[in-house]
Amino acid sequence: MAGEGRPDALSVIAFSGGFDRVHYALVLASAAAAIGTRTTVFFTMAATRALLRTDHDDGSGWRAMPPGEAPGTDGGAVNDAFAARGVATFEELLAACVAMGVRFLVCEMGLRAMGLTRADLRDDVPLEEGGVVTMLNDASATGSMVFV
């Protein structure tokens, strides 16, 4: 249940291909879910690469993402530095989101734009394909929407 004055739902649009931003989208989602807020993360464009299978043919995925504003050579280096400092890792946050029932939408257009298909994505995360209309229909009139 959302507290008084808090939104009843959170919609996070993960658009950026920077590891730091996708990591923070998962921080927001897991925190919202932890306090009982219905949460959806909509992955589109370059952020869809964060959901690639760990054995993806080209070796990409969240570890190969550019670091964004965080210091490091790639997402894997940033993640490893975060872990060494006691910051939740990408996989820990993703697992927490899955365990707390965060809804994961993946943009059909974003996949096509990045040259990806559903078969390229992880199967250990409950991903739903949809579009902007799906995401907007999922949003709440009294919720919040964050673009990362």
N, C-alpha and C. Protein backbone atom coordinates (compact mmCIF):
# COMPACT_ATOMS: atom_id res chain seq x y z
N MET A 1 0.84 -1.19 0.00
CA MET A 1 0.00 0.00 0.00
C MET A 1 0.88 1.24 0.00
N ALA A 2 0.57 2.15 -0.84
CA ALA A 2 1.31 3.42 -0.87
C ALA A 2 0.89 4.25 0.33
N GLY A 3 1.84 4.96 0.89
CA GLY A 3 1.56 5.82 2.02
C GLY A 3 0.87 7.09 1.57
N GLU A 4 0.29 7.80 2.53
CA GLU A 4 -0.38 9.05 2.20
C GLU A 4 0.59 10.02 1.53
N GLY A 5 0.17 10.59 0.42
CA GLY A 5 1.02 11.53 -0.30
C GLY A 5 2.00 10.90 -1.27
N ARG A 6 2.11 9.58 -1.24
CA ARG A 6 3.00 8.87 -2.17
C ARG A 6 2.21 8.39 -3.36
N PRO A 7 2.87 8.29 -4.51
CA PRO A 7 2.18 7.73 -5.67
C PRO A 7 1.82 6.27 -5.41
N ASP A 8 0.73 5.83 -6.04
CA ASP A 8 0.32 4.43 -5.85
C ASP A 8 1.04 3.48 -6.78
N ALA A 9 1.76 4.02 -7.76
CA ALA A 9 2.50 3.19 -8.71
C ALA A 9 3.70 3.97 -9.23
N LEU A 10 4.71 3.23 -9.64
CA LEU A 10 5.88 3.85 -10.25
C LEU A 10 6.15 3.17 -11.58
N SER A 11 6.28 3.99 -12.62
CA SER A 11 6.65 3.52 -13.95
C SER A 11 8.03 4.09 -14.26
N VAL A 12 9.00 3.23 -14.47
CA VAL A 12 10.36 3.66 -14.78
C VAL A 12 10.62 3.33 -16.24
N ILE A 13 10.98 4.34 -17.00
CA ILE A 13 11.33 4.14 -18.41
C ILE A 13 12.85 4.12 -18.49
N ALA A 14 13.42 2.94 -18.75
CA ALA A 14 14.87 2.78 -18.90
C ALA A 14 15.20 2.91 -20.38
N PHE A 15 15.78 4.03 -20.77
CA PHE A 15 16.06 4.37 -22.16
C PHE A 15 17.56 4.39 -22.44
N SER A 16 18.32 4.90 -21.49
CA SER A 16 19.76 5.10 -21.67
C SER A 16 20.51 3.78 -21.74
N GLY A 17 21.57 3.78 -22.54
CA GLY A 17 22.42 2.61 -22.63
C GLY A 17 23.58 2.63 -21.65
N GLY A 18 23.65 3.64 -20.79
CA GLY A 18 24.70 3.72 -19.78
C GLY A 18 24.40 2.79 -18.61
N PHE A 19 25.39 2.01 -18.21
CA PHE A 19 25.21 1.06 -17.11
C PHE A 19 24.70 1.77 -15.86
N ASP A 20 25.26 2.93 -15.54
CA ASP A 20 24.89 3.61 -14.30
C ASP A 20 23.40 3.94 -14.27
N ARG A 21 22.84 4.32 -15.40
CA ARG A 21 21.42 4.68 -15.44
C ARG A 21 20.51 3.46 -15.34
N VAL A 22 20.88 2.39 -16.02
CA VAL A 22 20.06 1.17 -15.93
C VAL A 22 20.15 0.60 -14.52
N HIS A 23 21.34 0.63 -13.93
CA HIS A 23 21.52 0.19 -12.55
C HIS A 23 20.61 0.99 -11.63
N TYR A 24 20.57 2.31 -11.85
CA TYR A 24 19.76 3.16 -10.97
C TYR A 24 18.26 2.94 -11.23
N ALA A 25 17.88 2.60 -12.45
CA ALA A 25 16.48 2.26 -12.71
C ALA A 25 16.08 1.06 -11.84
N LEU A 26 16.99 0.10 -11.70
CA LEU A 26 16.71 -1.06 -10.84
C LEU A 26 16.72 -0.68 -9.37
N VAL A 27 17.55 0.29 -8.98
CA VAL A 27 17.53 0.79 -7.60
C VAL A 27 16.15 1.39 -7.30
N LEU A 28 15.68 2.26 -8.18
CA LEU A 28 14.36 2.88 -8.00
C LEU A 28 13.26 1.83 -7.93
N ALA A 29 13.29 0.89 -8.87
CA ALA A 29 12.25 -0.14 -8.93
C ALA A 29 12.25 -1.01 -7.68
N SER A 30 13.42 -1.44 -7.24
CA SER A 30 13.46 -2.32 -6.06
C SER A 30 13.05 -1.56 -4.80
N ALA A 31 13.42 -0.30 -4.68
CA ALA A 31 13.03 0.50 -3.51
C ALA A 31 11.52 0.70 -3.49
N ALA A 32 10.95 1.04 -4.64
CA ALA A 32 9.49 1.24 -4.71
C ALA A 32 8.75 -0.05 -4.36
N ALA A 33 9.20 -1.16 -4.94
CA ALA A 33 8.55 -2.44 -4.65
C ALA A 33 8.69 -2.81 -3.17
N ALA A 34 9.82 -2.49 -2.56
CA ALA A 34 10.06 -2.80 -1.15
C ALA A 34 9.10 -2.08 -0.22
N ILE A 35 8.62 -0.91 -0.64
CA ILE A 35 7.66 -0.18 0.21
C ILE A 35 6.22 -0.40 -0.25
N GLY A 36 6.03 -1.39 -1.11
CA GLY A 36 4.68 -1.78 -1.49
C GLY A 36 4.07 -1.01 -2.64
N THR A 37 4.89 -0.32 -3.41
CA THR A 37 4.39 0.43 -4.56
C THR A 37 4.43 -0.45 -5.80
N ARG A 38 3.30 -0.54 -6.50
CA ARG A 38 3.26 -1.30 -7.75
C ARG A 38 4.25 -0.66 -8.72
N THR A 39 5.14 -1.48 -9.28
CA THR A 39 6.25 -0.94 -10.07
C THR A 39 6.39 -1.66 -11.40
N THR A 40 6.63 -0.87 -12.44
CA THR A 40 6.91 -1.40 -13.77
C THR A 40 8.16 -0.73 -14.30
N VAL A 41 9.05 -1.52 -14.90
CA VAL A 41 10.21 -0.97 -15.60
C VAL A 41 10.02 -1.29 -17.08
N PHE A 42 10.06 -0.23 -17.89
CA PHE A 42 9.89 -0.34 -19.34
C PHE A 42 11.25 -0.12 -19.98
N PHE A 43 11.84 -1.17 -20.54
CA PHE A 43 13.14 -1.10 -21.19
C PHE A 43 12.95 -0.80 -22.67
N THR A 44 13.65 0.20 -23.16
CA THR A 44 13.58 0.53 -24.57
C THR A 44 14.93 0.98 -25.07
N MET A 45 15.06 1.04 -26.39
CA MET A 45 16.28 1.49 -27.07
C MET A 45 17.52 0.83 -26.47
N ALA A 46 18.59 1.58 -26.21
CA ALA A 46 19.87 1.00 -25.78
C ALA A 46 19.77 0.28 -24.43
N ALA A 47 18.81 0.64 -23.60
CA ALA A 47 18.66 -0.04 -22.30
C ALA A 47 18.25 -1.49 -22.46
N THR A 48 17.68 -1.88 -23.61
CA THR A 48 17.30 -3.28 -23.82
C THR A 48 18.52 -4.20 -23.76
N ARG A 49 19.70 -3.67 -24.05
CA ARG A 49 20.92 -4.49 -24.03
C ARG A 49 21.23 -5.01 -22.63
N ALA A 50 20.72 -4.34 -21.62
CA ALA A 50 20.93 -4.79 -20.24
C ALA A 50 20.25 -6.12 -19.97
N LEU A 51 19.31 -6.49 -20.81
CA LEU A 51 18.54 -7.72 -20.61
C LEU A 51 18.98 -8.86 -21.52
N LEU A 52 20.10 -8.68 -22.23
CA LEU A 52 20.58 -9.75 -23.09
C LEU A 52 20.97 -10.98 -22.28
N ARG A 53 20.76 -12.15 -22.88
CA ARG A 53 21.19 -13.40 -22.25
C ARG A 53 22.66 -13.28 -21.88
N THR A 54 23.05 -13.91 -20.80
CA THR A 54 24.44 -13.87 -20.39
C THR A 54 25.35 -14.59 -21.38
N ASP A 55 24.78 -15.48 -22.18
CA ASP A 55 25.58 -16.19 -23.18
C ASP A 55 25.31 -15.67 -24.59
N HIS A 56 24.87 -14.42 -24.69
CA HIS A 56 24.52 -13.85 -26.01
C HIS A 56 25.71 -13.98 -26.96
N ASP A 57 25.41 -14.25 -28.19
CA ASP A 57 26.43 -14.55 -29.20
C ASP A 57 27.55 -13.52 -29.27
N ASP A 58 27.24 -12.24 -29.13
CA ASP A 58 28.29 -11.23 -29.27
C ASP A 58 28.95 -10.85 -27.93
N GLY A 59 28.59 -11.57 -26.85
CA GLY A 59 29.23 -11.32 -25.56
C GLY A 59 28.80 -10.02 -24.91
N SER A 60 27.77 -9.38 -25.45
CA SER A 60 27.33 -8.11 -24.88
C SER A 60 26.37 -8.38 -23.72
N GLY A 61 25.73 -7.37 -23.29
CA GLY A 61 24.85 -7.44 -22.13
C GLY A 61 25.23 -6.34 -21.17
N TRP A 62 24.70 -6.41 -19.97
CA TRP A 62 24.94 -5.32 -19.04
C TRP A 62 26.41 -5.14 -18.69
N ARG A 63 27.18 -6.20 -18.63
CA ARG A 63 28.61 -6.06 -18.29
C ARG A 63 29.37 -5.29 -19.37
N ALA A 64 28.92 -5.37 -20.62
CA ALA A 64 29.60 -4.70 -21.72
C ALA A 64 29.06 -3.29 -22.00
N MET A 65 28.04 -2.90 -21.26
CA MET A 65 27.46 -1.57 -21.49
C MET A 65 28.49 -0.49 -21.16
N PRO A 66 28.41 0.66 -21.80
CA PRO A 66 29.29 1.77 -21.42
C PRO A 66 28.98 2.19 -19.98
N PRO A 67 29.97 2.70 -19.26
CA PRO A 67 29.76 2.99 -17.84
C PRO A 67 28.82 4.15 -17.56
N GLY A 68 28.59 5.01 -18.53
CA GLY A 68 27.80 6.21 -18.27
C GLY A 68 28.66 7.22 -17.54
N GLU A 69 28.13 7.82 -16.50
CA GLU A 69 28.88 8.82 -15.72
C GLU A 69 29.73 8.19 -14.64
N ALA A 70 29.54 6.90 -14.38
CA ALA A 70 30.31 6.22 -13.33
C ALA A 70 31.73 5.95 -13.82
N PRO A 71 32.70 6.02 -12.92
CA PRO A 71 34.07 5.72 -13.34
C PRO A 71 34.25 4.23 -13.61
N GLY A 72 34.84 3.90 -14.75
CA GLY A 72 35.08 2.52 -15.12
C GLY A 72 35.12 2.39 -16.62
N THR A 73 35.59 1.24 -17.07
CA THR A 73 35.74 1.02 -18.51
C THR A 73 34.47 0.48 -19.15
N ASP A 74 33.65 -0.22 -18.37
CA ASP A 74 32.40 -0.78 -18.87
C ASP A 74 31.51 -1.10 -17.67
N GLY A 75 30.30 -1.58 -17.97
CA GLY A 75 29.36 -1.90 -16.89
C GLY A 75 29.90 -2.92 -15.91
N GLY A 76 30.64 -3.90 -16.41
CA GLY A 76 31.19 -4.91 -15.51
C GLY A 76 32.16 -4.32 -14.51
N ALA A 77 33.02 -3.42 -14.96
CA ALA A 77 33.99 -2.79 -14.06
C ALA A 77 33.29 -1.91 -13.03
N VAL A 78 32.26 -1.18 -13.46
CA VAL A 78 31.50 -0.34 -12.53
C VAL A 78 30.80 -1.24 -11.51
N ASN A 79 30.17 -2.30 -11.98
CA ASN A 79 29.47 -3.23 -11.09
C ASN A 79 30.43 -3.84 -10.06
N ASP A 80 31.61 -4.24 -10.52
CA ASP A 80 32.60 -4.82 -9.61
C ASP A 80 33.06 -3.81 -8.56
N ALA A 81 33.23 -2.55 -8.98
CA ALA A 81 33.61 -1.50 -8.03
C ALA A 81 32.49 -1.25 -7.03
N PHE A 82 31.26 -1.25 -7.52
CA PHE A 82 30.11 -1.08 -6.62
C PHE A 82 30.09 -2.20 -5.59
N ALA A 83 30.27 -3.43 -6.03
CA ALA A 83 30.25 -4.58 -5.12
C ALA A 83 31.33 -4.44 -4.05
N ALA A 84 32.52 -4.01 -4.46
CA ALA A 84 33.62 -3.85 -3.51
C ALA A 84 33.32 -2.78 -2.45
N ARG A 85 32.43 -1.84 -2.80
CA ARG A 85 32.06 -0.76 -1.87
C ARG A 85 30.76 -1.06 -1.12
N GLY A 86 30.22 -2.25 -1.31
CA GLY A 86 29.00 -2.63 -0.61
C GLY A 86 27.73 -2.10 -1.25
N VAL A 87 27.81 -1.69 -2.52
CA VAL A 87 26.62 -1.23 -3.26
C VAL A 87 26.00 -2.44 -3.95
N ALA A 88 24.70 -2.51 -3.92
CA ALA A 88 24.01 -3.64 -4.55
C ALA A 88 24.42 -3.77 -6.02
N THR A 89 24.67 -4.99 -6.45
CA THR A 89 25.09 -5.24 -7.82
C THR A 89 23.88 -5.30 -8.75
N PHE A 90 24.14 -5.27 -10.03
CA PHE A 90 23.09 -5.36 -11.04
C PHE A 90 22.26 -6.62 -10.83
N GLU A 91 22.93 -7.76 -10.69
CA GLU A 91 22.21 -9.03 -10.53
C GLU A 91 21.43 -9.08 -9.22
N GLU A 92 21.98 -8.52 -8.15
CA GLU A 92 21.25 -8.48 -6.88
C GLU A 92 19.98 -7.65 -7.01
N LEU A 93 20.09 -6.49 -7.65
CA LEU A 93 18.93 -5.63 -7.83
C LEU A 93 17.90 -6.27 -8.73
N LEU A 94 18.36 -6.88 -9.82
CA LEU A 94 17.45 -7.54 -10.74
C LEU A 94 16.71 -8.68 -10.04
N ALA A 95 17.43 -9.48 -9.28
CA ALA A 95 16.81 -10.60 -8.54
C ALA A 95 15.81 -10.08 -7.51
N ALA A 96 16.14 -8.99 -6.84
CA ALA A 96 15.23 -8.41 -5.85
C ALA A 96 13.95 -7.93 -6.53
N CYS A 97 14.10 -7.29 -7.69
CA CYS A 97 12.93 -6.83 -8.43
C CYS A 97 12.04 -8.00 -8.84
N VAL A 98 12.65 -9.06 -9.33
CA VAL A 98 11.90 -10.24 -9.74
C VAL A 98 11.17 -10.83 -8.53
N ALA A 99 11.88 -10.96 -7.41
CA ALA A 99 11.29 -11.55 -6.20
C ALA A 99 10.14 -10.72 -5.65
N MET A 100 10.20 -9.40 -5.83
CA MET A 100 9.15 -8.52 -5.29
C MET A 100 8.05 -8.22 -6.30
N GLY A 101 8.09 -8.87 -7.45
CA GLY A 101 7.00 -8.76 -8.41
C GLY A 101 6.99 -7.52 -9.28
N VAL A 102 8.16 -6.91 -9.49
CA VAL A 102 8.23 -5.79 -10.42
C VAL A 102 7.88 -6.30 -11.81
N ARG A 103 7.10 -5.53 -12.53
CA ARG A 103 6.72 -5.90 -13.90
C ARG A 103 7.79 -5.37 -14.85
N PHE A 104 8.27 -6.23 -15.73
CA PHE A 104 9.28 -5.85 -16.72
C PHE A 104 8.67 -5.87 -18.11
N LEU A 105 8.59 -4.69 -18.72
CA LEU A 105 8.13 -4.57 -20.10
C LEU A 105 9.33 -4.26 -20.98
N VAL A 106 9.38 -4.88 -22.14
CA VAL A 106 10.43 -4.61 -23.12
C VAL A 106 9.76 -4.09 -24.37
N CYS A 107 10.22 -2.94 -24.83
CA CYS A 107 9.62 -2.26 -25.97
C CYS A 107 9.91 -3.02 -27.27
N GLU A 108 8.85 -3.38 -27.98
CA GLU A 108 9.00 -4.07 -29.26
C GLU A 108 9.78 -3.20 -30.25
N MET A 109 9.45 -1.91 -30.30
CA MET A 109 10.15 -0.99 -31.21
C MET A 109 11.62 -0.86 -30.81
N GLY A 110 11.88 -0.77 -29.51
CA GLY A 110 13.25 -0.66 -29.04
C GLY A 110 14.08 -1.88 -29.41
N LEU A 111 13.48 -3.05 -29.30
CA LEU A 111 14.19 -4.27 -29.71
C LEU A 111 14.53 -4.22 -31.19
N ARG A 112 13.55 -3.87 -32.02
CA ARG A 112 13.80 -3.79 -33.47
C ARG A 112 14.87 -2.74 -33.78
N ALA A 113 14.79 -1.60 -33.11
CA ALA A 113 15.75 -0.53 -33.35
C ALA A 113 17.18 -0.96 -33.00
N MET A 114 17.31 -1.83 -32.02
CA MET A 114 18.63 -2.31 -31.60
C MET A 114 19.03 -3.59 -32.32
N GLY A 115 18.19 -4.08 -33.23
CA GLY A 115 18.50 -5.30 -33.97
C GLY A 115 18.39 -6.55 -33.12
N LEU A 116 17.50 -6.54 -32.12
CA LEU A 116 17.35 -7.66 -31.20
C LEU A 116 15.97 -8.28 -31.34
N THR A 117 15.86 -9.53 -30.85
CA THR A 117 14.56 -10.20 -30.76
C THR A 117 14.40 -10.72 -29.34
N ARG A 118 13.22 -11.21 -29.04
CA ARG A 118 12.96 -11.76 -27.70
C ARG A 118 13.91 -12.92 -27.41
N ALA A 119 14.29 -13.67 -28.44
CA ALA A 119 15.19 -14.81 -28.25
C ALA A 119 16.58 -14.37 -27.76
N ASP A 120 16.94 -13.12 -27.96
CA ASP A 120 18.23 -12.61 -27.50
C ASP A 120 18.23 -12.30 -26.00
N LEU A 121 17.05 -12.23 -25.40
CA LEU A 121 16.92 -11.76 -24.03
C LEU A 121 16.92 -12.89 -23.01
N ARG A 122 17.19 -12.52 -21.78
CA ARG A 122 17.24 -13.46 -20.67
C ARG A 122 15.91 -14.19 -20.52
N ASP A 123 15.99 -15.44 -20.07
CA ASP A 123 14.76 -16.16 -19.78
C ASP A 123 14.56 -16.37 -18.28
N ASP A 124 15.46 -15.82 -17.46
CA ASP A 124 15.33 -15.93 -16.01
C ASP A 124 14.63 -14.70 -15.41
N VAL A 125 14.19 -13.79 -16.25
CA VAL A 125 13.46 -12.60 -15.82
C VAL A 125 12.12 -12.63 -16.55
N PRO A 126 11.01 -12.42 -15.83
CA PRO A 126 9.70 -12.46 -16.48
C PRO A 126 9.46 -11.21 -17.34
N LEU A 127 9.91 -11.27 -18.57
CA LEU A 127 9.81 -10.13 -19.49
C LEU A 127 8.54 -10.24 -20.32
N GLU A 128 7.90 -9.09 -20.51
CA GLU A 128 6.74 -9.01 -21.39
C GLU A 128 7.08 -8.04 -22.50
N GLU A 129 6.81 -8.42 -23.73
CA GLU A 129 6.99 -7.50 -24.84
C GLU A 129 5.74 -6.64 -24.96
N GLY A 130 5.96 -5.39 -25.29
CA GLY A 130 4.86 -4.46 -25.47
C GLY A 130 5.39 -3.19 -26.10
N GLY A 131 4.56 -2.22 -26.18
CA GLY A 131 4.97 -0.95 -26.75
C GLY A 131 4.66 0.18 -25.81
N VAL A 132 4.78 1.37 -26.32
CA VAL A 132 4.51 2.56 -25.51
C VAL A 132 3.06 2.56 -25.04
N VAL A 133 2.15 2.12 -25.88
CA VAL A 133 0.74 2.07 -25.49
C VAL A 133 0.57 1.12 -24.30
N THR A 134 1.22 -0.03 -24.34
CA THR A 134 1.16 -0.98 -23.23
C THR A 134 1.67 -0.34 -21.95
N MET A 135 2.81 0.36 -22.05
CA MET A 135 3.39 1.02 -20.88
C MET A 135 2.46 2.10 -20.35
N LEU A 136 1.90 2.91 -21.24
CA LEU A 136 1.01 3.98 -20.79
C LEU A 136 -0.28 3.43 -20.18
N ASN A 137 -0.80 2.34 -20.73
CA ASN A 137 -1.98 1.71 -20.14
C ASN A 137 -1.69 1.11 -18.78
N ASP A 138 -0.44 0.74 -18.54
CA ASP A 138 -0.04 0.17 -17.25
C ASP A 138 0.13 1.26 -16.19
N ALA A 139 0.44 2.47 -16.62
CA ALA A 139 0.70 3.56 -15.67
C ALA A 139 -0.58 3.94 -14.92
N SER A 140 -0.39 4.50 -13.76
CA SER A 140 -1.51 4.90 -12.91
C SER A 140 -1.72 6.41 -12.99
N ALA A 141 -2.97 6.84 -12.98
CA ALA A 141 -3.28 8.28 -13.00
C ALA A 141 -2.75 8.98 -11.76
N THR A 142 -2.59 8.22 -10.67
CA THR A 142 -2.07 8.82 -9.44
C THR A 142 -0.68 8.29 -9.11
N GLY A 143 0.00 7.78 -10.13
CA GLY A 143 1.34 7.26 -9.97
C GLY A 143 2.38 8.26 -10.47
N SER A 144 3.62 7.82 -10.46
CA SER A 144 4.72 8.62 -10.98
C SER A 144 5.41 7.90 -12.11
N MET A 145 5.95 8.69 -13.03
CA MET A 145 6.69 8.16 -14.16
C MET A 145 8.07 8.81 -14.15
N VAL A 146 9.10 7.98 -14.26
CA VAL A 146 10.49 8.46 -14.24
C VAL A 146 11.17 7.98 -15.51
N PHE A 147 11.87 8.89 -16.17
CA PHE A 147 12.60 8.58 -17.40
C PHE A 147 14.09 8.55 -17.07
N VAL A 148 14.73 7.39 -17.26
CA VAL A 148 16.15 7.24 -16.91
C VAL A 148 16.95 6.97 -18.16
